[in-house]
PDB file of N, CA and C in Angstrom:
ATOM      1  N   MET A   1     -23.629   3.736 -13.316  1.00  0.00           N
ATOM      2  CA  MET A   1     -22.520   2.923 -12.897  1.00  0.00           C
ATOM      3  C   MET A   1     -22.027   3.413 -11.546  1.00  0.00           C
ATOM      4  N   LYS A   2     -21.995   2.538 -10.573  1.00  0.00           N
ATOM      5  CA  LYS A   2     -21.556   2.969  -9.250  1.00  0.00           C
ATOM      6  C   LYS A   2     -20.036   3.069  -9.195  1.00  0.00           C
ATOM      7  N   ASP A   3     -19.537   3.886  -8.271  1.00  0.00           N
ATOM      8  CA  ASP A   3     -18.096   4.087  -8.152  1.00  0.00           C
ATOM      9  C   ASP A   3     -17.430   2.806  -7.683  1.00  0.00           C
ATOM     10  N   ASP A   4     -16.318   2.476  -8.337  1.00  0.00           N
ATOM     11  CA  ASP A   4     -15.545   1.294  -7.996  1.00  0.00           C
ATOM     12  C   ASP A   4     -14.310   1.739  -7.228  1.00  0.00           C
ATOM     13  N   LYS A   5     -14.253   1.394  -5.962  1.00  0.00           N
ATOM     14  CA  LYS A   5     -13.149   1.819  -5.108  1.00  0.00           C
ATOM     15  C   LYS A   5     -12.128   0.705  -4.897  1.00  0.00           C
ATOM     16  N   THR A   6     -12.222  -0.353  -5.680  1.00  0.00           N
ATOM     17  CA  THR A   6     -11.295  -1.472  -5.541  1.00  0.00           C
ATOM     18  C   THR A   6      -9.860  -1.034  -5.785  1.00  0.00           C
ATOM     19  N   PHE A   7      -9.642  -0.237  -6.798  1.00  0.00           N
ATOM     20  CA  PHE A   7      -8.280   0.173  -7.126  1.00  0.00           C
ATOM     21  C   PHE A   7      -7.719   1.101  -6.058  1.00  0.00           C
ATOM     22  N   PHE A   8      -8.549   1.904  -5.435  1.00  0.00           N
ATOM     23  CA  PHE A   8      -8.127   2.756  -4.327  1.00  0.00           C
ATOM     24  C   PHE A   8      -7.682   1.888  -3.149  1.00  0.00           C
ATOM     25  N   LYS A   9      -8.397   0.801  -2.902  1.00  0.00           N
ATOM     26  CA  LYS A   9      -8.033  -0.129  -1.829  1.00  0.00           C
ATOM     27  C   LYS A   9      -6.701  -0.805  -2.119  1.00  0.00           C
ATOM     28  N   ILE A  10      -6.415  -1.073  -3.382  1.00  0.00           N
ATOM     29  CA  ILE A  10      -5.130  -1.650  -3.763  1.00  0.00           C
ATOM     30  C   ILE A  10      -4.001  -0.697  -3.375  1.00  0.00           C
ATOM     31  N   GLY A  11      -4.185   0.586  -3.585  1.00  0.00           N
ATOM     32  CA  GLY A  11      -3.180   1.579  -3.200  1.00  0.00           C
ATOM     33  C   GLY A  11      -2.964   1.634  -1.705  1.00  0.00           C
ATOM     34  N   ILE A  12      -4.039   1.497  -0.939  1.00  0.00           N
ATOM     35  CA  ILE A  12      -3.925   1.519   0.521  1.00  0.00           C
ATOM     36  C   ILE A  12      -3.184   0.285   1.016  1.00  0.00           C
ATOM     37  N   ILE A  13      -3.491  -0.868   0.467  1.00  0.00           N
ATOM     38  CA  ILE A  13      -2.793  -2.096   0.865  1.00  0.00           C
ATOM     39  C   ILE A  13      -1.313  -1.994   0.504  1.00  0.00           C
ATOM     40  N   GLY A  14      -1.019  -1.436  -0.654  1.00  0.00           N
ATOM     41  CA  GLY A  14       0.372  -1.236  -1.054  1.00  0.00           C
ATOM     42  C   GLY A  14       1.123  -0.330  -0.095  1.00  0.00           C
ATOM     43  N   ALA A  15       0.478   0.696   0.395  1.00  0.00           N
ATOM     44  CA  ALA A  15       1.117   1.605   1.356  1.00  0.00           C
ATOM     45  C   ALA A  15       1.416   0.893   2.661  1.00  0.00           C
ATOM     46  N   PHE A  16       0.494   0.069   3.129  1.00  0.00           N
ATOM     47  CA  PHE A  16       0.749  -0.683   4.356  1.00  0.00           C
ATOM     48  C   PHE A  16       1.898  -1.668   4.167  1.00  0.00           C
ATOM     49  N   LEU A  17       1.973  -2.302   3.009  1.00  0.00           N
ATOM     50  CA  LEU A  17       3.088  -3.215   2.739  1.00  0.00           C
ATOM     51  C   LEU A  17       4.410  -2.461   2.717  1.00  0.00           C
ATOM     52  N   ALA A  18       4.425  -1.287   2.117  1.00  0.00           N
ATOM     53  CA  ALA A  18       5.654  -0.498   2.043  1.00  0.00           C
ATOM     54  C   ALA A  18       6.083   0.025   3.403  1.00  0.00           C
ATOM     55  N   SER A  19       5.133   0.299   4.287  1.00  0.00           N
ATOM     56  CA  SER A  19       5.479   0.871   5.590  1.00  0.00           C
ATOM     57  C   SER A  19       5.767  -0.180   6.653  1.00  0.00           C
ATOM     58  N   LEU A  20       5.687  -1.446   6.306  1.00  0.00           N
ATOM     59  CA  LEU A  20       5.973  -2.497   7.283  1.00  0.00           C
ATOM     60  C   LEU A  20       7.417  -2.469   7.778  1.00  0.00           C
ATOM     61  N   CYS A  21       8.317  -1.872   6.998  1.00  0.00           N
ATOM     62  CA  CYS A  21       9.707  -1.799   7.434  1.00  0.00           C
ATOM     63  C   CYS A  21       9.860  -0.925   8.671  1.00  0.00           C
ATOM     64  N   CYS A  22       9.018   0.065   8.824  1.00  0.00           N
ATOM     65  CA  CYS A  22       9.127   1.001   9.945  1.00  0.00           C
ATOM     66  C   CYS A  22       8.044   0.773  10.998  1.00  0.00           C
ATOM     67  N   LEU A  23       6.859   0.451  10.546  1.00  0.00           N
ATOM     68  CA  LEU A  23       5.737   0.252  11.458  1.00  0.00           C
ATOM     69  C   LEU A  23       5.739  -1.152  12.056  1.00  0.00           C
ATOM     70  N   GLY A  24       6.201  -2.123  11.292  1.00  0.00           N
ATOM     71  CA  GLY A  24       6.226  -3.518  11.750  1.00  0.00           C
ATOM     72  C   GLY A  24       7.021  -3.746  13.020  1.00  0.00           C
ATOM     73  N   PRO A  25       8.261  -3.223  13.114  1.00  0.00           N
ATOM     74  CA  PRO A  25       9.021  -3.420  14.346  1.00  0.00           C
ATOM     75  C   PRO A  25       8.338  -2.841  15.586  1.00  0.00           C
ATOM     76  N   LEU A  26       7.683  -1.686  15.417  1.00  0.00           N
ATOM     77  CA  LEU A  26       6.980  -1.100  16.566  1.00  0.00           C
ATOM     78  C   LEU A  26       5.849  -2.002  17.040  1.00  0.00           C
ATOM     79  N   ILE A  27       5.125  -2.570  16.094  1.00  0.00           N
ATOM     80  CA  ILE A  27       4.014  -3.455  16.452  1.00  0.00           C
ATOM     81  C   ILE A  27       4.533  -4.713  17.123  1.00  0.00           C
ATOM     82  N   LEU A  28       5.611  -5.298  16.567  1.00  0.00           N
ATOM     83  CA  LEU A  28       6.159  -6.529  17.141  1.00  0.00           C
ATOM     84  C   LEU A  28       6.732  -6.302  18.538  1.00  0.00           C
ATOM     85  N   ILE A  29       7.421  -5.189  18.739  1.00  0.00           N
ATOM     86  CA  ILE A  29       7.973  -4.890  20.063  1.00  0.00           C
ATOM     87  C   ILE A  29       6.853  -4.616  21.059  1.00  0.00           C
ATOM     88  N   ALA A  30       5.827  -3.895  20.632  1.00  0.00           N
ATOM     89  CA  ALA A  30       4.700  -3.603  21.524  1.00  0.00           C
ATOM     90  C   ALA A  30       3.983  -4.880  21.944  1.00  0.00           C
ATOM     91  N   LEU A  31       3.928  -5.851  21.050  1.00  0.00           N
ATOM     92  CA  LEU A  31       3.284  -7.126  21.371  1.00  0.00           C
ATOM     93  C   LEU A  31       4.215  -8.066  22.128  1.00  0.00           C
ATOM     94  N   GLY A  32       5.498  -7.724  22.194  1.00  0.00           N
ATOM     95  CA  GLY A  32       6.452  -8.572  22.901  1.00  0.00           C
ATOM     96  C   GLY A  32       6.822  -9.822  22.136  1.00  0.00           C
ATOM     97  N   VAL A  33       6.715  -9.773  20.825  1.00  0.00           N
ATOM     98  CA  VAL A  33       6.958 -10.958  20.009  1.00  0.00           C
ATOM     99  C   VAL A  33       8.445 -11.206  19.801  1.00  0.00           C
ATOM    100  N   GLY A  34       9.253 -10.175  19.672  1.00  0.00           N
ATOM    101  CA  GLY A  34      10.670 -10.371  19.388  1.00  0.00           C
ATOM    102  C   GLY A  34      11.532  -9.447  20.208  1.00  0.00           C
ATOM    103  N   THR A  35      12.822  -9.711  20.183  1.00  0.00           N
ATOM    104  CA  THR A  35      13.742  -8.827  20.885  1.00  0.00           C
ATOM    105  C   THR A  35      13.912  -7.550  20.072  1.00  0.00           C
ATOM    106  N   ALA A  36      14.270  -6.500  20.746  1.00  0.00           N
ATOM    107  CA  ALA A  36      14.364  -5.199  20.081  1.00  0.00           C
ATOM    108  C   ALA A  36      15.430  -5.191  18.995  1.00  0.00           C
ATOM    109  N   SER A  37      16.562  -5.825  19.240  1.00  0.00           N
ATOM    110  CA  SER A  37      17.641  -5.771  18.241  1.00  0.00           C
ATOM    111  C   SER A  37      17.283  -6.538  16.971  1.00  0.00           C
ATOM    112  N   SER A  38      16.650  -7.675  17.111  1.00  0.00           N
ATOM    113  CA  SER A  38      16.301  -8.438  15.911  1.00  0.00           C
ATOM    114  C   SER A  38      15.151  -7.793  15.150  1.00  0.00           C
ATOM    115  N   VAL A  39      14.213  -7.229  15.872  1.00  0.00           N
ATOM    116  CA  VAL A  39      13.077  -6.588  15.213  1.00  0.00           C
ATOM    117  C   VAL A  39      13.502  -5.290  14.533  1.00  0.00           C
ATOM    118  N   LEU A  40      14.405  -4.554  15.148  1.00  0.00           N
ATOM    119  CA  LEU A  40      14.845  -3.293  14.560  1.00  0.00           C
ATOM    120  C   LEU A  40      15.668  -3.510  13.297  1.00  0.00           C
ATOM    121  N   SER A  41      16.236  -4.687  13.123  1.00  0.00           N
ATOM    122  CA  SER A  41      17.005  -4.950  11.907  1.00  0.00           C
ATOM    123  C   SER A  41      16.109  -5.002  10.671  1.00  0.00           C
ATOM    124  N   ILE A  42      14.805  -5.126  10.871  1.00  0.00           N
ATOM    125  CA  ILE A  42      13.868  -5.102   9.747  1.00  0.00           C
ATOM    126  C   ILE A  42      13.935  -3.756   9.032  1.00  0.00           C
ATOM    127  N   GLY A  43      14.189  -2.694   9.757  1.00  0.00           N
ATOM    128  CA  GLY A  43      14.223  -1.357   9.183  1.00  0.00           C
ATOM    129  C   GLY A  43      15.287  -1.175   8.119  1.00  0.00           C
ATOM    130  N   TYR A  44      16.346  -1.983   8.152  1.00  0.00           N
ATOM    131  CA  TYR A  44      17.404  -1.874   7.154  1.00  0.00           C
ATOM    132  C   TYR A  44      16.971  -2.436   5.796  1.00  0.00           C
ATOM    133  N   ASN A  45      15.870  -3.127   5.768  1.00  0.00           N
ATOM    134  CA  ASN A  45      15.376  -3.725   4.535  1.00  0.00           C
ATOM    135  C   ASN A  45      14.294  -2.889   3.870  1.00  0.00           C
ATOM    136  N   GLU A  46      14.269  -1.599   4.129  1.00  0.00           N
ATOM    137  CA  GLU A  46      13.237  -0.723   3.589  1.00  0.00           C
ATOM    138  C   GLU A  46      13.125  -0.775   2.066  1.00  0.00           C
ATOM    139  N   PRO A  47      14.235  -0.801   1.316  1.00  0.00           N
ATOM    140  CA  PRO A  47      14.091  -0.876  -0.150  1.00  0.00           C
ATOM    141  C   PRO A  47      13.349  -2.133  -0.609  1.00  0.00           C
ATOM    142  N   TYR A  48      13.533  -3.229   0.093  1.00  0.00           N
ATOM    143  CA  TYR A  48      12.850  -4.461  -0.287  1.00  0.00           C
ATOM    144  C   TYR A  48      11.349  -4.371  -0.023  1.00  0.00           C
ATOM    145  N   PHE A  49      10.975  -3.715   1.062  1.00  0.00           N
ATOM    146  CA  PHE A  49       9.556  -3.521   1.350  1.00  0.00           C
ATOM    147  C   PHE A  49       8.915  -2.595   0.307  1.00  0.00           C
ATOM    148  N   LEU A  50       9.625  -1.543  -0.075  1.00  0.00           N
ATOM    149  CA  LEU A  50       9.114  -0.641  -1.106  1.00  0.00           C
ATOM    150  C   LEU A  50       8.986  -1.361  -2.452  1.00  0.00           C
ATOM    151  N   LEU A  51       9.979  -2.175  -2.789  1.00  0.00           N
ATOM    152  CA  LEU A  51       9.922  -2.939  -4.031  1.00  0.00           C
ATOM    153  C   LEU A  51       8.775  -3.945  -3.996  1.00  0.00           C
ATOM    154  N   GLY A  52       8.586  -4.601  -2.853  1.00  0.00           N
ATOM    155  CA  GLY A  52       7.470  -5.540  -2.705  1.00  0.00           C
ATOM    156  C   GLY A  52       6.122  -4.860  -2.860  1.00  0.00           C
ATOM    157  N   ALA A  53       5.992  -3.674  -2.296  1.00  0.00           N
ATOM    158  CA  ALA A  53       4.734  -2.927  -2.429  1.00  0.00           C
ATOM    159  C   ALA A  53       4.499  -2.509  -3.872  1.00  0.00           C
ATOM    160  N   LEU A  54       5.555  -2.106  -4.559  1.00  0.00           N
ATOM    161  CA  LEU A  54       5.421  -1.715  -5.966  1.00  0.00           C
ATOM    162  C   LEU A  54       5.046  -2.923  -6.829  1.00  0.00           C
ATOM    163  N   ILE A  55       5.662  -4.072  -6.574  1.00  0.00           N
ATOM    164  CA  ILE A  55       5.314  -5.290  -7.309  1.00  0.00           C
ATOM    165  C   ILE A  55       3.866  -5.671  -7.042  1.00  0.00           C
ATOM    166  N   PHE A  56       3.441  -5.593  -5.767  1.00  0.00           N
ATOM    167  CA  PHE A  56       2.044  -5.878  -5.429  1.00  0.00           C
ATOM    168  C   PHE A  56       1.114  -4.949  -6.197  1.00  0.00           C
ATOM    169  N   PHE A  57       1.455  -3.677  -6.247  1.00  0.00           N
ATOM    170  CA  PHE A  57       0.623  -2.681  -6.919  1.00  0.00           C
ATOM    171  C   PHE A  57       0.476  -2.994  -8.403  1.00  0.00           C
ATOM    172  N   VAL A  58       1.589  -3.312  -9.061  1.00  0.00           N
ATOM    173  CA  VAL A  58       1.562  -3.592 -10.501  1.00  0.00           C
ATOM    174  C   VAL A  58       0.779  -4.872 -10.792  1.00  0.00           C
ATOM    175  N   VAL A  59       1.025  -5.920 -10.011  1.00  0.00           N
ATOM    176  CA  VAL A  59       0.325  -7.195 -10.236  1.00  0.00           C
ATOM    177  C   VAL A  59      -1.173  -7.043  -9.960  1.00  0.00           C
ATOM    178  N   ALA A  60      -1.514  -6.355  -8.873  1.00  0.00           N
ATOM    179  CA  ALA A  60      -2.930  -6.150  -8.553  1.00  0.00           C
ATOM    180  C   ALA A  60      -3.616  -5.317  -9.634  1.00  0.00           C
ATOM    181  N   ALA A  61      -2.930  -4.299 -10.141  1.00  0.00           N
ATOM    182  CA  ALA A  61      -3.508  -3.483 -11.215  1.00  0.00           C
ATOM    183  C   ALA A  61      -3.705  -4.316 -12.473  1.00  0.00           C
ATOM    184  N   TRP A  62      -2.744  -5.171 -12.794  1.00  0.00           N
ATOM    185  CA  TRP A  62      -2.863  -6.016 -13.972  1.00  0.00           C
ATOM    186  C   TRP A  62      -4.063  -6.951 -13.856  1.00  0.00           C
ATOM    187  N   PHE A  63      -4.201  -7.614 -12.690  1.00  0.00           N
ATOM    188  CA  PHE A  63      -5.341  -8.506 -12.495  1.00  0.00           C
ATOM    189  C   PHE A  63      -6.663  -7.736 -12.517  1.00  0.00           C
ATOM    190  N   TYR A  64      -6.669  -6.563 -11.908  1.00  0.00           N
ATOM    191  CA  TYR A  64      -7.883  -5.757 -11.833  1.00  0.00           C
ATOM    192  C   TYR A  64      -8.360  -5.364 -13.227  1.00  0.00           C
ATOM    193  N   PHE A  65      -7.465  -4.821 -14.034  1.00  0.00           N
ATOM    194  CA  PHE A  65      -7.868  -4.371 -15.367  1.00  0.00           C
ATOM    195  C   PHE A  65      -8.094  -5.536 -16.322  1.00  0.00           C
ATOM    196  N   ARG A  66      -7.426  -6.640 -16.102  1.00  0.00           N
ATOM    197  CA  ARG A  66      -7.672  -7.828 -16.919  1.00  0.00           C
ATOM    198  C   ARG A  66      -9.083  -8.365 -16.673  1.00  0.00           C
ATOM    199  N   LYS A  67      -9.458  -8.404 -15.378  1.00  0.00           N
ATOM    200  CA  LYS A  67     -10.810  -8.851 -15.034  1.00  0.00           C
ATOM    201  C   LYS A  67     -11.850  -7.867 -15.558  1.00  0.00           C
ATOM    202  N   LYS A  68     -11.542  -6.595 -15.436  1.00  0.00           N
ATOM    203  CA  LYS A  68     -12.478  -5.563 -15.873  1.00  0.00           C
ATOM    204  C   LYS A  68     -12.641  -5.573 -17.401  1.00  0.00           C
ATOM    205  N   GLN A  69     -11.567  -5.902 -18.117  1.00  0.00           N
ATOM    206  CA  GLN A  69     -11.631  -5.955 -19.574  1.00  0.00           C
ATOM    207  C   GLN A  69     -12.520  -7.111 -20.023  1.00  0.00           C
ATOM    208  N   LYS A  70     -12.491  -8.227 -19.275  1.00  0.00           N
ATOM    209  CA  LYS A  70     -13.310  -9.378 -19.633  1.00  0.00           C
ATOM    210  C   LYS A  70     -14.788  -9.137 -19.353  1.00  0.00           C
ATOM    211  N   ALA A  71     -15.071  -8.267 -18.389  1.00  0.00           N
ATOM    212  CA  ALA A  71     -16.460  -7.962 -18.059  1.00  0.00           C
ATOM    213  C   ALA A  71     -17.082  -7.148 -19.190  1.00  0.00           C
ATOM    214  N   VAL A  72     -18.363  -7.182 -19.260  1.00  0.00           N
ATOM    215  CA  VAL A  72     -19.058  -6.406 -20.281  1.00  0.00           C
ATOM    216  C   VAL A  72     -18.955  -4.936 -19.901  1.00  0.00           C
ATOM    217  N   CYS A  73     -18.443  -4.161 -20.809  1.00  0.00           N
ATOM    218  CA  CYS A  73     -18.223  -2.739 -20.557  1.00  0.00           C
ATOM    219  C   CYS A  73     -19.396  -1.943 -21.094  1.00  0.00           C
ATOM    220  N   ASP A  74     -19.936  -1.102 -20.227  1.00  0.00           N
ATOM    221  CA  ASP A  74     -21.018  -0.221 -20.639  1.00  0.00           C
ATOM    222  C   ASP A  74     -20.423   1.168 -20.851  1.00  0.00           C
ATOM    223  N   CYS A  75     -19.619   1.290 -21.898  1.00  0.00           N
ATOM    224  CA  CYS A  75     -18.906   2.535 -22.163  1.00  0.00           C
ATOM    225  C   CYS A  75     -19.721   3.521 -22.985  1.00  0.00           C
ATOM    226  N   GLY A  76     -20.833   3.080 -23.483  1.00  0.00           N
ATOM    227  CA  GLY A  76     -21.661   3.973 -24.268  1.00  0.00           C
ATOM    228  C   GLY A  76     -21.443   3.840 -25.755  1.00  0.00           C
ATOM    229  N   ASP A  77     -20.226   3.471 -26.170  1.00  0.00           N
ATOM    230  CA  ASP A  77     -19.968   3.338 -27.594  1.00  0.00           C
ATOM    231  C   ASP A  77     -20.125   1.903 -28.083  1.00  0.00           C
ATOM    232  N   GLY A  78     -20.316   0.973 -27.167  1.00  0.00           N
ATOM    233  CA  GLY A  78     -20.553  -0.416 -27.528  1.00  0.00           C
ATOM    234  C   GLY A  78     -19.312  -1.162 -27.960  1.00  0.00           C
ATOM    235  N   SER A  79     -18.139  -0.560 -27.792  1.00  0.00           N
ATOM    236  CA  SER A  79     -16.911  -1.212 -28.241  1.00  0.00           C
ATOM    237  C   SER A  79     -16.449  -2.292 -27.274  1.00  0.00           C
ATOM    238  N   GLY A  80     -16.833  -2.193 -26.016  1.00  0.00           N
ATOM    239  CA  GLY A  80     -16.415  -3.181 -25.032  1.00  0.00           C
ATOM    240  C   GLY A  80     -14.994  -2.986 -24.542  1.00  0.00           C
ATOM    241  N   LYS A  81     -14.389  -1.830 -24.844  1.00  0.00           N
ATOM    242  CA  LYS A  81     -13.023  -1.561 -24.419  1.00  0.00           C
ATOM    243  C   LYS A  81     -13.024  -0.544 -23.281  1.00  0.00           C
ATOM    244  N   LEU A  82     -12.008  -0.656 -22.446  1.00  0.00           N
ATOM    245  CA  LEU A  82     -11.857   0.304 -21.365  1.00  0.00           C
ATOM    246  C   LEU A  82     -11.276   1.605 -21.904  1.00  0.00           C
ATOM    247  N   ASP A  83     -11.678   2.691 -21.315  1.00  0.00           N
ATOM    248  CA  ASP A  83     -11.192   4.008 -21.699  1.00  0.00           C
ATOM    249  C   ASP A  83      -9.807   4.221 -21.087  1.00  0.00           C
ATOM    250  N   ASN A  84      -8.813   4.502 -21.914  1.00  0.00           N
ATOM    251  CA  ASN A  84      -7.440   4.678 -21.424  1.00  0.00           C
ATOM    252  C   ASN A  84      -7.312   5.856 -20.466  1.00  0.00           C
ATOM    253  N   LYS A  85      -8.092   6.892 -20.696  1.00  0.00           N
ATOM    254  CA  LYS A  85      -8.060   8.060 -19.809  1.00  0.00           C
ATOM    255  C   LYS A  85      -8.580   7.685 -18.421  1.00  0.00           C
ATOM    256  N   LYS A  86      -9.634   6.881 -18.388  1.00  0.00           N
ATOM    257  CA  LYS A  86     -10.204   6.440 -17.120  1.00  0.00           C
ATOM    258  C   LYS A  86      -9.216   5.533 -16.368  1.00  0.00           C
ATOM    259  N   ILE A  87      -8.528   4.670 -17.096  1.00  0.00           N
ATOM    260  CA  ILE A  87      -7.525   3.797 -16.483  1.00  0.00           C
ATOM    261  C   ILE A  87      -6.394   4.629 -15.894  1.00  0.00           C
ATOM    262  N   ALA A  88      -5.921   5.614 -16.637  1.00  0.00           N
ATOM    263  CA  ALA A  88      -4.828   6.464 -16.164  1.00  0.00           C
ATOM    264  C   ALA A  88      -5.227   7.226 -14.902  1.00  0.00           C
ATOM    265  N   VAL A  89      -6.451   7.704 -14.851  1.00  0.00           N
ATOM    266  CA  VAL A  89      -6.927   8.427 -13.666  1.00  0.00           C
ATOM    267  C   VAL A  89      -7.008   7.496 -12.460  1.00  0.00           C
ATOM    268  N   GLN A  90      -7.515   6.283 -12.659  1.00  0.00           N
ATOM    269  CA  GLN A  90      -7.600   5.328 -11.554  1.00  0.00           C
ATOM    270  C   GLN A  90      -6.220   4.956 -11.031  1.00  0.00           C
ATOM    271  N   VAL A  91      -5.282   4.721 -11.933  1.00  0.00           N
ATOM    272  CA  VAL A  91      -3.920   4.383 -11.518  1.00  0.00           C
ATOM    273  C   VAL A  91      -3.283   5.549 -10.777  1.00  0.00           C
ATOM    274  N   ALA A  92      -3.474   6.756 -11.269  1.00  0.00           N
ATOM    275  CA  ALA A  92      -2.894   7.934 -10.623  1.00  0.00           C
ATOM    276  C   ALA A  92      -3.478   8.145  -9.226  1.00  0.00           C
ATOM    277  N   ILE A  93      -4.782   7.971  -9.080  1.00  0.00           N
ATOM    278  CA  ILE A  93      -5.414   8.141  -7.767  1.00  0.00           C
ATOM    279  C   ILE A  93      -4.911   7.087  -6.787  1.00  0.00           C
ATOM    280  N   ALA A  94      -4.859   5.847  -7.236  1.00  0.00           N
ATOM    281  CA  ALA A  94      -4.394   4.778  -6.353  1.00  0.00           C
ATOM    282  C   ALA A  94      -2.926   4.959  -5.985  1.00  0.00           C
ATOM    283  N   LEU A  95      -2.105   5.370  -6.935  1.00  0.00           N
ATOM    284  CA  LEU A  95      -0.693   5.590  -6.658  1.00  0.00           C
ATOM    285  C   LEU A  95      -0.497   6.765  -5.708  1.00  0.00           C
ATOM    286  N   CYS A  96      -1.269   7.825  -5.891  1.00  0.00           N
ATOM    287  CA  CYS A  96      -1.204   8.972  -4.965  1.00  0.00           C
ATOM    288  C   CYS A  96      -1.651   8.569  -3.558  1.00  0.00           C
ATOM    289  N   ALA A  97      -2.697   7.756  -3.482  1.00  0.00           N
ATOM    290  CA  ALA A  97      -3.149   7.278  -2.179  1.00  0.00           C
ATOM    291  C   ALA A  97      -2.075   6.436  -1.516  1.00  0.00           C
ATOM    292  N   MET A  98      -1.414   5.591  -2.285  1.00  0.00           N
ATOM    293  CA  MET A  98      -0.358   4.738  -1.748  1.00  0.00           C
ATOM    294  C   MET A  98       0.810   5.568  -1.230  1.00  0.00           C
ATOM    295  N   ILE A  99       1.255   6.527  -2.022  1.00  0.00           N
ATOM    296  CA  ILE A  99       2.397   7.355  -1.620  1.00  0.00           C
ATOM    297  C   ILE A  99       2.051   8.219  -0.418  1.00  0.00           C
ATOM    298  N   THR A 100       0.877   8.829  -0.426  1.00  0.00           N
ATOM    299  CA  THR A 100       0.466   9.694   0.684  1.00  0.00           C
ATOM    300  C   THR A 100       0.338   8.911   1.982  1.00  0.00           C
ATOM    301  N   LEU A 101      -0.314   7.770   1.929  1.00  0.00           N
ATOM    302  CA  LEU A 101      -0.477   6.966   3.136  1.00  0.00           C
ATOM    303  C   LEU A 101       0.862   6.435   3.629  1.00  0.00           C
ATOM    304  N   TYR A 102       1.736   6.038   2.721  1.00  0.00           N
ATOM    305  CA  TYR A 102       3.072   5.574   3.115  1.00  0.00           C
ATOM    306  C   TYR A 102       3.819   6.678   3.848  1.00  0.00           C
ATOM    307  N   LEU A 103       3.820   7.883   3.303  1.00  0.00           N
ATOM    308  CA  LEU A 103       4.518   9.004   3.939  1.00  0.00           C
ATOM    309  C   LEU A 103       3.909   9.345   5.295  1.00  0.00           C
ATOM    310  N   LEU A 104       2.585   9.292   5.397  1.00  0.00           N
ATOM    311  CA  LEU A 104       1.943   9.558   6.684  1.00  0.00           C
ATOM    312  C   LEU A 104       2.293   8.498   7.720  1.00  0.00           C
ATOM    313  N   LEU A 105       2.290   7.240   7.309  1.00  0.00           N
ATOM    314  CA  LEU A 105       2.607   6.171   8.251  1.00  0.00           C
ATOM    315  C   LEU A 105       4.057   6.241   8.719  1.00  0.00           C
ATOM    316  N   VAL A 106       4.979   6.437   7.789  1.00  0.00           N
ATOM    317  CA  VAL A 106       6.398   6.392   8.124  1.00  0.00           C
ATOM    318  C   VAL A 106       6.877   7.667   8.807  1.00  0.00           C
ATOM    319  N   PHE A 107       6.417   8.819   8.351  1.00  0.00           N
ATOM    320  CA  PHE A 107       6.963  10.064   8.869  1.00  0.00           C
ATOM    321  C   PHE A 107       6.076  10.778   9.887  1.00  0.00           C
ATOM    322  N   VAL A 108       4.854  10.308  10.096  1.00  0.00           N
ATOM    323  CA  VAL A 108       3.984  10.911  11.110  1.00  0.00           C
ATOM    324  C   VAL A 108       3.658   9.902  12.217  1.00  0.00           C
ATOM    325  N   LEU A 109       3.137   8.753  11.831  1.00  0.00           N
ATOM    326  CA  LEU A 109       2.703   7.779  12.834  1.00  0.00           C
ATOM    327  C   LEU A 109       3.868   7.120  13.568  1.00  0.00           C
ATOM    328  N   VAL A 110       4.914   6.718  12.849  1.00  0.00           N
ATOM    329  CA  VAL A 110       6.055   6.065  13.496  1.00  0.00           C
ATOM    330  C   VAL A 110       6.734   6.985  14.508  1.00  0.00           C
ATOM    331  N   PRO A 111       7.021   8.262  14.195  1.00  0.00           N
ATOM    332  CA  PRO A 111       7.627   9.120  15.221  1.00  0.00           C
ATOM    333  C   PRO A 111       6.723   9.353  16.443  1.00  0.00           C
ATOM    334  N   ILE A 112       5.438   9.245  16.267  1.00  0.00           N
ATOM    335  CA  ILE A 112       4.535   9.396  17.419  1.00  0.00           C
ATOM    336  C   ILE A 112       4.541   8.131  18.269  1.00  0.00           C
ATOM    337  N   LEU A 113       4.518   6.968  17.617  1.00  0.00           N
ATOM    338  CA  LEU A 113       4.444   5.704  18.349  1.00  0.00           C
ATOM    339  C   LEU A 113       5.780   5.235  18.916  1.00  0.00           C
ATOM    340  N   ALA A 114       6.890   5.566  18.257  1.00  0.00           N
ATOM    341  CA  ALA A 114       8.197   5.067  18.686  1.00  0.00           C
ATOM    342  C   ALA A 114       8.536   5.424  20.134  1.00  0.00           C
ATOM    343  N   PRO A 115       8.390   6.667  20.579  1.00  0.00           N
ATOM    344  CA  PRO A 115       8.703   6.960  21.980  1.00  0.00           C
ATOM    345  C   PRO A 115       7.806   6.201  22.967  1.00  0.00           C
ATOM    346  N   LEU A 116       6.566   5.978  22.586  1.00  0.00           N
ATOM    347  CA  LEU A 116       5.654   5.237  23.466  1.00  0.00           C
ATOM    348  C   LEU A 116       6.083   3.787  23.617  1.00  0.00           C
ATOM    349  N   VAL A 117       6.539   3.183  22.536  1.00  0.00           N
ATOM    350  CA  VAL A 117       6.936   1.774  22.566  1.00  0.00           C
ATOM    351  C   VAL A 117       8.292   1.616  23.213  1.00  0.00           C
ATOM    352  N   TYR A 118       9.253   2.468  22.861  1.00  0.00           N
ATOM    353  CA  TYR A 118      10.619   2.288  23.324  1.00  0.00           C
ATOM    354  C   TYR A 118      10.851   2.739  24.759  1.00  0.00           C
ATOM    355  N   LYS A 119       9.965   3.504  25.323  1.00  0.00           N
ATOM    356  CA  LYS A 119      10.194   3.936  26.711  1.00  0.00           C
ATOM    357  C   LYS A 119      10.078   2.766  27.674  1.00  0.00           C
ATOM    358  N   TYR A 120       9.401   1.698  27.262  1.00  0.00           N
ATOM    359  CA  TYR A 120       9.282   0.530  28.121  1.00  0.00           C
ATOM    360  C   TYR A 120      10.463  -0.433  27.966  1.00  0.00           C
ATOM    361  N   LEU A 121      11.348  -0.181  27.003  1.00  0.00           N
ATOM    362  CA  LEU A 121      12.502  -1.049  26.804  1.00  0.00           C
ATOM    363  C   LEU A 121      13.670  -0.711  27.721  1.00  0.00           C
ATOM    364  N   TYR A 122      13.747   0.541  28.148  1.00  0.00           N
ATOM    365  CA  TYR A 122      14.904   0.965  28.928  1.00  0.00           C
ATOM    366  C   TYR A 122      14.533   1.287  30.347  1.00  0.00           C
TER     367      TYR A 122
END
C-alpha cells in the first residue's frame, strides 16, 4: 500500500486558510489591489480565519475518511473497516502540520515580508 499524503495536504491547506488574516494583506498591498487601511483591517478578523480553517479541516477529514471507508480496505483482517489507531495518527500528523505551518507563516514569514512591503507605502 503506497503512502497516502492527501490528509497531510489537507493540513497544509488549512494552515494557509488560517494565515490569510496576516499574510493576505501583505500580498494584496504588494500587488496594489487595495488601500493599506482597508486591507489591514483584515487582520482584526483573525479568529474568523482560524475558525474557517478549523471547519475546513473537520469537513475535509470527514469527507476523506467517509470516502476511504467506502473503498475496499486491505487491512489484512478482511473486515473492511479502517483502523482507529491509523486514523488518529493521520489526524494528528495533519493537525501538527497545520499548526506548525500556521505558526511559521504568521510569526516568521509575515515579520520578514512586512518591512519589505510597507517601506514602499511611506
